[in-house]
């Protein structure tokens, strides 16, 4: 498990070889991306990092996944 991004609004964790968990902090809701979706997410996220995108730009990108965030985030 690797935390790959954390801002005031989002938290992204990569489970190598499995997928990504994306959590919207204000609503404490999240989603899990796997398979082809996770691969496309990884590619686009790497492009954002390579171009040194601002926190706002990354948060805007993650906002595209808000509709999928319907699972309550449970903290251990």
PDB file of N, CA and C in Angstrom:
ATOM      1  N   UNK A   1       0.854  -1.169   0.000  1.00  0.00           N
ATOM      2  CA  UNK A   1       0.000   0.000   0.000  1.00  0.00           C
ATOM      3  C   UNK A   1       0.901   1.234   0.000  1.00  0.00           C
ATOM      4  N   UNK A   2       0.673   2.124  -0.963  1.00  0.00           N
ATOM      5  CA  UNK A   2       1.463   3.346  -1.094  1.00  0.00           C
ATOM      6  C   UNK A   2       0.532   4.546  -1.209  1.00  0.00           C
ATOM      7  N   UNK A   3       0.704   5.520  -0.327  1.00  0.00           N
ATOM      8  CA  UNK A   3      -0.036   6.769  -0.461  1.00  0.00           C
ATOM      9  C   UNK A   3       0.628   7.537  -1.599  1.00  0.00           C
ATOM     10  N   UNK A   4      -0.114   7.789  -2.676  1.00  0.00           N
ATOM     11  CA  UNK A   4       0.457   8.482  -3.822  1.00  0.00           C
ATOM     12  C   UNK A   4       0.016   9.937  -3.911  1.00  0.00           C
ATOM     13  N   UNK A   5      -1.022  10.299  -3.155  1.00  0.00           N
ATOM     14  CA  UNK A   5      -1.489  11.681  -3.177  1.00  0.00           C
ATOM     15  C   UNK A   5      -2.345  11.936  -1.954  1.00  0.00           C
ATOM     16  N   UNK A   6      -2.163  13.118  -1.394  1.00  0.00           N
ATOM     17  CA  UNK A   6      -3.004  13.543  -0.280  1.00  0.00           C
ATOM     18  C   UNK A   6      -3.098  15.063  -0.311  1.00  0.00           C
ATOM     19  N   UNK A   7      -4.326  15.555  -0.348  1.00  0.00           N
ATOM     20  CA  UNK A   7      -4.574  16.996  -0.288  1.00  0.00           C
ATOM     21  C   UNK A   7      -5.667  17.222   0.748  1.00  0.00           C
ATOM     22  N   UNK A   8      -6.114  18.440   0.825  1.00  0.00           N
ATOM     23  CA  UNK A   8      -7.199  18.755   1.756  1.00  0.00           C
ATOM     24  C   UNK A   8      -8.494  18.044   1.359  1.00  0.00           C
ATOM     25  N   UNK A   9      -8.650  17.750   0.061  1.00  0.00           N
ATOM     26  CA  UNK A   9      -9.903  17.182  -0.442  1.00  0.00           C
ATOM     27  C   UNK A   9      -9.851  15.702  -0.796  1.00  0.00           C
ATOM     28  N   UNK A  10      -8.676  15.193  -1.195  1.00  0.00           N
ATOM     29  CA  UNK A  10      -8.589  13.813  -1.674  1.00  0.00           C
ATOM     30  C   UNK A  10      -7.397  13.075  -1.089  1.00  0.00           C
ATOM     31  N   UNK A  11      -7.549  11.761  -1.091  1.00  0.00           N
ATOM     32  CA  UNK A  11      -6.500  10.853  -0.633  1.00  0.00           C
ATOM     33  C   UNK A  11      -6.478   9.694  -1.630  1.00  0.00           C
ATOM     34  N   UNK A  12      -5.301   9.397  -2.194  1.00  0.00           N
ATOM     35  CA  UNK A  12      -5.177   8.320  -3.174  1.00  0.00           C
ATOM     36  C   UNK A  12      -4.139   7.324  -2.676  1.00  0.00           C
ATOM     37  N   UNK A  13      -4.542   6.062  -2.614  1.00  0.00           N
ATOM     38  CA  UNK A  13      -3.659   4.984  -2.177  1.00  0.00           C
ATOM     39  C   UNK A  13      -3.554   3.968  -3.305  1.00  0.00           C
ATOM     40  N   UNK A  14      -2.318   3.563  -3.609  1.00  0.00           N
ATOM     41  CA  UNK A  14      -2.106   2.521  -4.613  1.00  0.00           C
ATOM     42  C   UNK A  14      -1.811   1.207  -3.914  1.00  0.00           C
ATOM     43  N   UNK A  15      -2.477   0.176  -4.356  1.00  0.00           N
ATOM     44  CA  UNK A  15      -2.192  -1.188  -3.925  1.00  0.00           C
ATOM     45  C   UNK A  15      -1.488  -1.827  -5.122  1.00  0.00           C
ATOM     46  N   UNK A  16      -0.133  -1.860  -5.105  1.00  0.00           N
ATOM     47  CA  UNK A  16       0.626  -2.299  -6.284  1.00  0.00           C
ATOM     48  C   UNK A  16       0.124  -3.629  -6.852  1.00  0.00           C
ATOM     49  N   UNK A  17      -0.078  -3.605  -8.159  1.00  0.00           N
ATOM     50  CA  UNK A  17      -0.544  -4.791  -8.855  1.00  0.00           C
ATOM     51  C   UNK A  17      -2.027  -5.062  -8.708  1.00  0.00           C
ATOM     52  N   UNK A  18      -2.722  -4.259  -7.896  1.00  0.00           N
ATOM     53  CA  UNK A  18      -4.151  -4.494  -7.652  1.00  0.00           C
ATOM     54  C   UNK A  18      -5.025  -3.326  -8.101  1.00  0.00           C
ATOM     55  N   UNK A  19      -4.721  -2.117  -7.661  1.00  0.00           N
ATOM     56  CA  UNK A  19      -5.561  -0.984  -8.021  1.00  0.00           C
ATOM     57  C   UNK A  19      -5.322   0.216  -7.135  1.00  0.00           C
ATOM     58  N   UNK A  20      -6.274   1.139  -7.185  1.00  0.00           N
ATOM     59  CA  UNK A  20      -6.199   2.398  -6.447  1.00  0.00           C
ATOM     60  C   UNK A  20      -7.470   2.626  -5.645  1.00  0.00           C
ATOM     61  N   UNK A  21      -7.309   3.163  -4.461  1.00  0.00           N
ATOM     62  CA  UNK A  21      -8.436   3.626  -3.669  1.00  0.00           C
ATOM     63  C   UNK A  21      -8.384   5.149  -3.678  1.00  0.00           C
ATOM     64  N   UNK A  22      -9.496   5.786  -4.037  1.00  0.00           N
ATOM     65  CA  UNK A  22      -9.594   7.238  -4.071  1.00  0.00           C
ATOM     66  C   UNK A  22     -10.672   7.640  -3.078  1.00  0.00           C
ATOM     67  N   UNK A  23     -10.306   8.516  -2.141  1.00  0.00           N
ATOM     68  CA  UNK A  23     -11.245   8.940  -1.100  1.00  0.00           C
ATOM     69  C   UNK A  23     -11.407  10.454  -1.149  1.00  0.00           C
ATOM     70  N   UNK A  24     -12.653  10.899  -1.123  1.00  0.00           N
ATOM     71  CA  UNK A  24     -12.959  12.318  -1.007  1.00  0.00           C
ATOM     72  C   UNK A  24     -13.108  12.610   0.483  1.00  0.00           C
ATOM     73  N   UNK A  25     -12.162  13.319   1.033  1.00  0.00           N
ATOM     74  CA  UNK A  25     -12.108  13.524   2.472  1.00  0.00           C
ATOM     75  C   UNK A  25     -13.333  14.237   3.056  1.00  0.00           C
ATOM     76  N   UNK A  26     -13.827  15.340   2.458  1.00  0.00           N
ATOM     77  CA  UNK A  26     -14.965  16.035   3.075  1.00  0.00           C
ATOM     78  C   UNK A  26     -16.205  15.159   3.267  1.00  0.00           C
ATOM     79  N   UNK A  27     -16.445  14.248   2.332  1.00  0.00           N
ATOM     80  CA  UNK A  27     -17.631  13.399   2.449  1.00  0.00           C
ATOM     81  C   UNK A  27     -17.328  12.039   3.052  1.00  0.00           C
ATOM     82  N   UNK A  28     -16.026  11.739   3.228  1.00  0.00           N
ATOM     83  CA  UNK A  28     -15.584  10.435   3.744  1.00  0.00           C
ATOM     84  C   UNK A  28     -16.158   9.289   2.920  1.00  0.00           C
ATOM     85  N   UNK A  29     -16.172   9.496   1.594  1.00  0.00           N
ATOM     86  CA  UNK A  29     -16.645   8.479   0.662  1.00  0.00           C
ATOM     87  C   UNK A  29     -15.518   8.178  -0.315  1.00  0.00           C
ATOM     88  N   UNK A  30     -15.515   6.957  -0.827  1.00  0.00           N
ATOM     89  CA  UNK A  30     -14.446   6.594  -1.745  1.00  0.00           C
ATOM     90  C   UNK A  30     -14.857   5.566  -2.761  1.00  0.00           C
ATOM     91  N   UNK A  31     -13.899   5.206  -3.600  1.00  0.00           N
ATOM     92  CA  UNK A  31     -14.096   4.185  -4.618  1.00  0.00           C
ATOM     93  C   UNK A  31     -12.792   3.441  -4.811  1.00  0.00           C
ATOM     94  N   UNK A  32     -12.896   2.279  -5.423  1.00  0.00           N
ATOM     95  CA  UNK A  32     -11.722   1.459  -5.708  1.00  0.00           C
ATOM     96  C   UNK A  32     -11.655   1.230  -7.211  1.00  0.00           C
ATOM     97  N   UNK A  33     -10.509   1.541  -7.799  1.00  0.00           N
ATOM     98  CA  UNK A  33     -10.313   1.373  -9.243  1.00  0.00           C
ATOM     99  C   UNK A  33      -9.384   0.197  -9.483  1.00  0.00           C
ATOM    100  N   UNK A  34      -9.780  -0.674 -10.404  1.00  0.00           N
ATOM    101  CA  UNK A  34      -8.942  -1.832 -10.716  1.00  0.00           C
ATOM    102  C   UNK A  34      -9.010  -2.127 -12.207  1.00  0.00           C
ATOM    103  N   UNK A  35      -8.166  -3.020 -12.668  1.00  0.00           N
ATOM    104  CA  UNK A  35      -8.178  -3.427 -14.065  1.00  0.00           C
ATOM    105  C   UNK A  35      -7.803  -2.295 -15.008  1.00  0.00           C
ATOM    106  N   UNK A  36      -8.500  -2.247 -16.154  1.00  0.00           N
ATOM    107  CA  UNK A  36      -8.211  -1.232 -17.168  1.00  0.00           C
ATOM    108  C   UNK A  36      -8.409   0.180 -16.639  1.00  0.00           C
ATOM    109  N   UNK A  37      -9.399   0.367 -15.796  1.00  0.00           N
ATOM    110  CA  UNK A  37      -9.642   1.691 -15.227  1.00  0.00           C
ATOM    111  C   UNK A  37      -8.458   2.129 -14.380  1.00  0.00           C
ATOM    112  N   UNK A  38      -7.929   1.234 -13.581  1.00  0.00           N
ATOM    113  CA  UNK A  38      -6.761   1.553 -12.754  1.00  0.00           C
ATOM    114  C   UNK A  38      -5.546   1.846 -13.624  1.00  0.00           C
ATOM    115  N   UNK A  39      -5.383   1.103 -14.705  1.00  0.00           N
ATOM    116  CA  UNK A  39      -4.251   1.343 -15.600  1.00  0.00           C
ATOM    117  C   UNK A  39      -4.334   2.716 -16.253  1.00  0.00           C
ATOM    118  N   UNK A  40      -5.519   3.104 -16.706  1.00  0.00           N
ATOM    119  CA  UNK A  40      -5.693   4.434 -17.293  1.00  0.00           C
ATOM    120  C   UNK A  40      -5.500   5.517 -16.239  1.00  0.00           C
ATOM    121  N   UNK A  41      -6.009   5.274 -15.034  1.00  0.00           N
ATOM    122  CA  UNK A  41      -5.829   6.222 -13.936  1.00  0.00           C
ATOM    123  C   UNK A  41      -4.344   6.405 -13.650  1.00  0.00           C
ATOM    124  N   UNK A  42      -3.590   5.307 -13.560  1.00  0.00           N
ATOM    125  CA  UNK A  42      -2.148   5.358 -13.285  1.00  0.00           C
ATOM    126  C   UNK A  42      -1.430   6.178 -14.355  1.00  0.00           C
ATOM    127  N   UNK A  43      -1.774   5.936 -15.616  1.00  0.00           N
ATOM    128  CA  UNK A  43      -1.133   6.645 -16.717  1.00  0.00           C
ATOM    129  C   UNK A  43      -1.410   8.143 -16.648  1.00  0.00           C
ATOM    130  N   UNK A  44      -2.661   8.504 -16.477  1.00  0.00           N
ATOM    131  CA  UNK A  44      -3.010   9.933 -16.442  1.00  0.00           C
ATOM    132  C   UNK A  44      -2.429  10.601 -15.201  1.00  0.00           C
ATOM    133  N   UNK A  45      -2.464   9.923 -14.085  1.00  0.00           N
ATOM    134  CA  UNK A  45      -1.919  10.485 -12.848  1.00  0.00           C
ATOM    135  C   UNK A  45      -0.412  10.711 -12.993  1.00  0.00           C
ATOM    136  N   UNK A  46       0.296   9.769 -13.628  1.00  0.00           N
ATOM    137  CA  UNK A  46       1.737   9.914 -13.861  1.00  0.00           C
ATOM    138  C   UNK A  46       2.015  11.122 -14.755  1.00  0.00           C
ATOM    139  N   UNK A  47       1.154  11.360 -15.741  1.00  0.00           N
ATOM    140  CA  UNK A  47       1.315  12.532 -16.600  1.00  0.00           C
ATOM    141  C   UNK A  47       1.149  13.822 -15.805  1.00  0.00           C
ATOM    142  N   UNK A  48       0.175  13.859 -14.896  1.00  0.00           N
ATOM    143  CA  UNK A  48      -0.011  15.042 -14.053  1.00  0.00           C
ATOM    144  C   UNK A  48       1.218  15.300 -13.199  1.00  0.00           C
ATOM    145  N   UNK A  49       1.769  14.242 -12.626  1.00  0.00           N
ATOM    146  CA  UNK A  49       2.961  14.376 -11.782  1.00  0.00           C
ATOM    147  C   UNK A  49       4.149  14.850 -12.622  1.00  0.00           C
ATOM    148  N   UNK A  50       4.307  14.286 -13.814  1.00  0.00           N
ATOM    149  CA  UNK A  50       5.428  14.641 -14.685  1.00  0.00           C
ATOM    150  C   UNK A  50       5.393  16.115 -15.088  1.00  0.00           C
ATOM    151  N   UNK A  51       4.194  16.650 -15.271  1.00  0.00           N
ATOM    152  CA  UNK A  51       4.099  18.069 -15.633  1.00  0.00           C
ATOM    153  C   UNK A  51       3.980  18.969 -14.415  1.00  0.00           C
ATOM    154  N   UNK A  52       4.183  18.396 -13.254  1.00  0.00           N
ATOM    155  CA  UNK A  52       4.157  19.129 -11.978  1.00  0.00           C
ATOM    156  C   UNK A  52       2.882  19.953 -11.832  1.00  0.00           C
ATOM    157  N   UNK A  53       1.769  19.284 -12.026  1.00  0.00           N
ATOM    158  CA  UNK A  53       0.458  19.928 -11.927  1.00  0.00           C
ATOM    159  C   UNK A  53       0.237  20.469 -10.514  1.00  0.00           C
ATOM    160  N   UNK A  54      -0.526  21.533 -10.431  1.00  0.00           N
ATOM    161  CA  UNK A  54      -0.850  22.115  -9.133  1.00  0.00           C
ATOM    162  C   UNK A  54      -1.819  21.209  -8.373  1.00  0.00           C
ATOM    163  N   UNK A  55      -1.917  21.427  -7.075  1.00  0.00           N
ATOM    164  CA  UNK A  55      -2.860  20.676  -6.245  1.00  0.00           C
ATOM    165  C   UNK A  55      -4.271  20.865  -6.782  1.00  0.00           C
ATOM    166  N   UNK A  56      -4.593  22.072  -7.211  1.00  0.00           N
ATOM    167  CA  UNK A  56      -5.922  22.347  -7.741  1.00  0.00           C
ATOM    168  C   UNK A  56      -6.197  21.527  -9.003  1.00  0.00           C
ATOM    169  N   UNK A  57      -5.188  21.399  -9.866  1.00  0.00           N
ATOM    170  CA  UNK A  57      -5.356  20.621 -11.101  1.00  0.00           C
ATOM    171  C   UNK A  57      -5.563  19.141 -10.802  1.00  0.00           C
ATOM    172  N   UNK A  58      -4.798  18.627  -9.856  1.00  0.00           N
ATOM    173  CA  UNK A  58      -4.938  17.218  -9.482  1.00  0.00           C
ATOM    174  C   UNK A  58      -6.297  16.992  -8.837  1.00  0.00           C
ATOM    175  N   UNK A  59      -6.698  17.894  -7.949  1.00  0.00           N
ATOM    176  CA  UNK A  59      -8.012  17.767  -7.309  1.00  0.00           C
ATOM    177  C   UNK A  59      -9.134  17.846  -8.350  1.00  0.00           C
ATOM    178  N   UNK A  60      -8.978  18.701  -9.359  1.00  0.00           N
ATOM    179  CA  UNK A  60      -9.978  18.786 -10.433  1.00  0.00           C
ATOM    180  C   UNK A  60     -10.074  17.457 -11.165  1.00  0.00           C
ATOM    181  N   UNK A  61      -8.922  16.849 -11.462  1.00  0.00           N
ATOM    182  CA  UNK A  61      -8.914  15.545 -12.126  1.00  0.00           C
ATOM    183  C   UNK A  61      -9.619  14.502 -11.265  1.00  0.00           C
ATOM    184  N   UNK A  62      -9.279  14.469  -9.976  1.00  0.00           N
ATOM    185  CA  UNK A  62      -9.898  13.495  -9.081  1.00  0.00           C
ATOM    186  C   UNK A  62     -11.392  13.742  -8.925  1.00  0.00           C
ATOM    187  N   UNK A  63     -11.810  14.986  -9.063  1.00  0.00           N
ATOM    188  CA  UNK A  63     -13.227  15.320  -9.002  1.00  0.00           C
ATOM    189  C   UNK A  63     -14.048  14.614 -10.074  1.00  0.00           C
ATOM    190  N   UNK A  64     -13.395  14.216 -11.160  1.00  0.00           N
ATOM    191  CA  UNK A  64     -14.092  13.465 -12.208  1.00  0.00           C
ATOM    192  C   UNK A  64     -14.579  12.106 -11.714  1.00  0.00           C
ATOM    193  N   UNK A  65     -14.024  11.641 -10.611  1.00  0.00           N
ATOM    194  CA  UNK A  65     -14.392  10.336 -10.066  1.00  0.00           C
ATOM    195  C   UNK A  65     -15.411  10.446  -8.926  1.00  0.00           C
ATOM    196  N   UNK A  66     -15.836  11.655  -8.595  1.00  0.00           N
ATOM    197  CA  UNK A  66     -16.766  11.854  -7.479  1.00  0.00           C
ATOM    198  C   UNK A  66     -18.026  11.002  -7.602  1.00  0.00           C
ATOM    199  N   UNK A  67     -18.542  10.862  -8.815  1.00  0.00           N
ATOM    200  CA  UNK A  67     -19.773  10.103  -9.015  1.00  0.00           C
ATOM    201  C   UNK A  67     -19.589   8.630  -8.619  1.00  0.00           C
ATOM    202  N   UNK A  68     -18.359   8.136  -8.679  1.00  0.00           N
ATOM    203  CA  UNK A  68     -18.091   6.745  -8.303  1.00  0.00           C
ATOM    204  C   UNK A  68     -17.878   6.558  -6.799  1.00  0.00           C
ATOM    205  N   UNK A  69     -17.701   7.647  -6.095  1.00  0.00           N
ATOM    206  CA  UNK A  69     -17.374   7.563  -4.666  1.00  0.00           C
ATOM    207  C   UNK A  69     -18.643   7.386  -3.848  1.00  0.00           C
ATOM    208  N   UNK A  70     -19.054   6.123  -3.735  1.00  0.00           N
ATOM    209  CA  UNK A  70     -20.282   5.810  -3.011  1.00  0.00           C
ATOM    210  C   UNK A  70     -20.063   4.816  -1.866  1.00  0.00           C
ATOM    211  N   UNK A  71     -18.800   4.532  -1.566  1.00  0.00           N
ATOM    212  CA  UNK A  71     -18.486   3.634  -0.467  1.00  0.00           C
ATOM    213  C   UNK A  71     -17.966   4.437   0.719  1.00  0.00           C
ATOM    214  N   UNK A  72     -18.534   4.249   1.897  1.00  0.00           N
ATOM    215  CA  UNK A  72     -18.030   4.990   3.066  1.00  0.00           C
ATOM    216  C   UNK A  72     -16.584   4.602   3.364  1.00  0.00           C
ATOM    217  N   UNK A  73     -15.787   5.602   3.660  1.00  0.00           N
ATOM    218  CA  UNK A  73     -14.395   5.351   4.049  1.00  0.00           C
ATOM    219  C   UNK A  73     -14.380   4.985   5.522  1.00  0.00           C
ATOM    220  N   UNK A  74     -13.754   3.872   5.831  1.00  0.00           N
ATOM    221  CA  UNK A  74     -13.655   3.399   7.210  1.00  0.00           C
ATOM    222  C   UNK A  74     -12.201   3.518   7.644  1.00  0.00           C
ATOM    223  N   UNK A  75     -11.981   4.230   8.715  1.00  0.00           N
ATOM    224  CA  UNK A  75     -10.629   4.420   9.214  1.00  0.00           C
ATOM    225  C   UNK A  75     -10.307   3.367  10.253  1.00  0.00           C
ATOM    226  N   UNK A  76      -9.115   2.816  10.158  1.00  0.00           N
ATOM    227  CA  UNK A  76      -8.696   1.756  11.086  1.00  0.00           C
ATOM    228  C   UNK A  76      -7.920   2.336  12.230  1.00  0.00           C
TER     229      UNK A  76
END
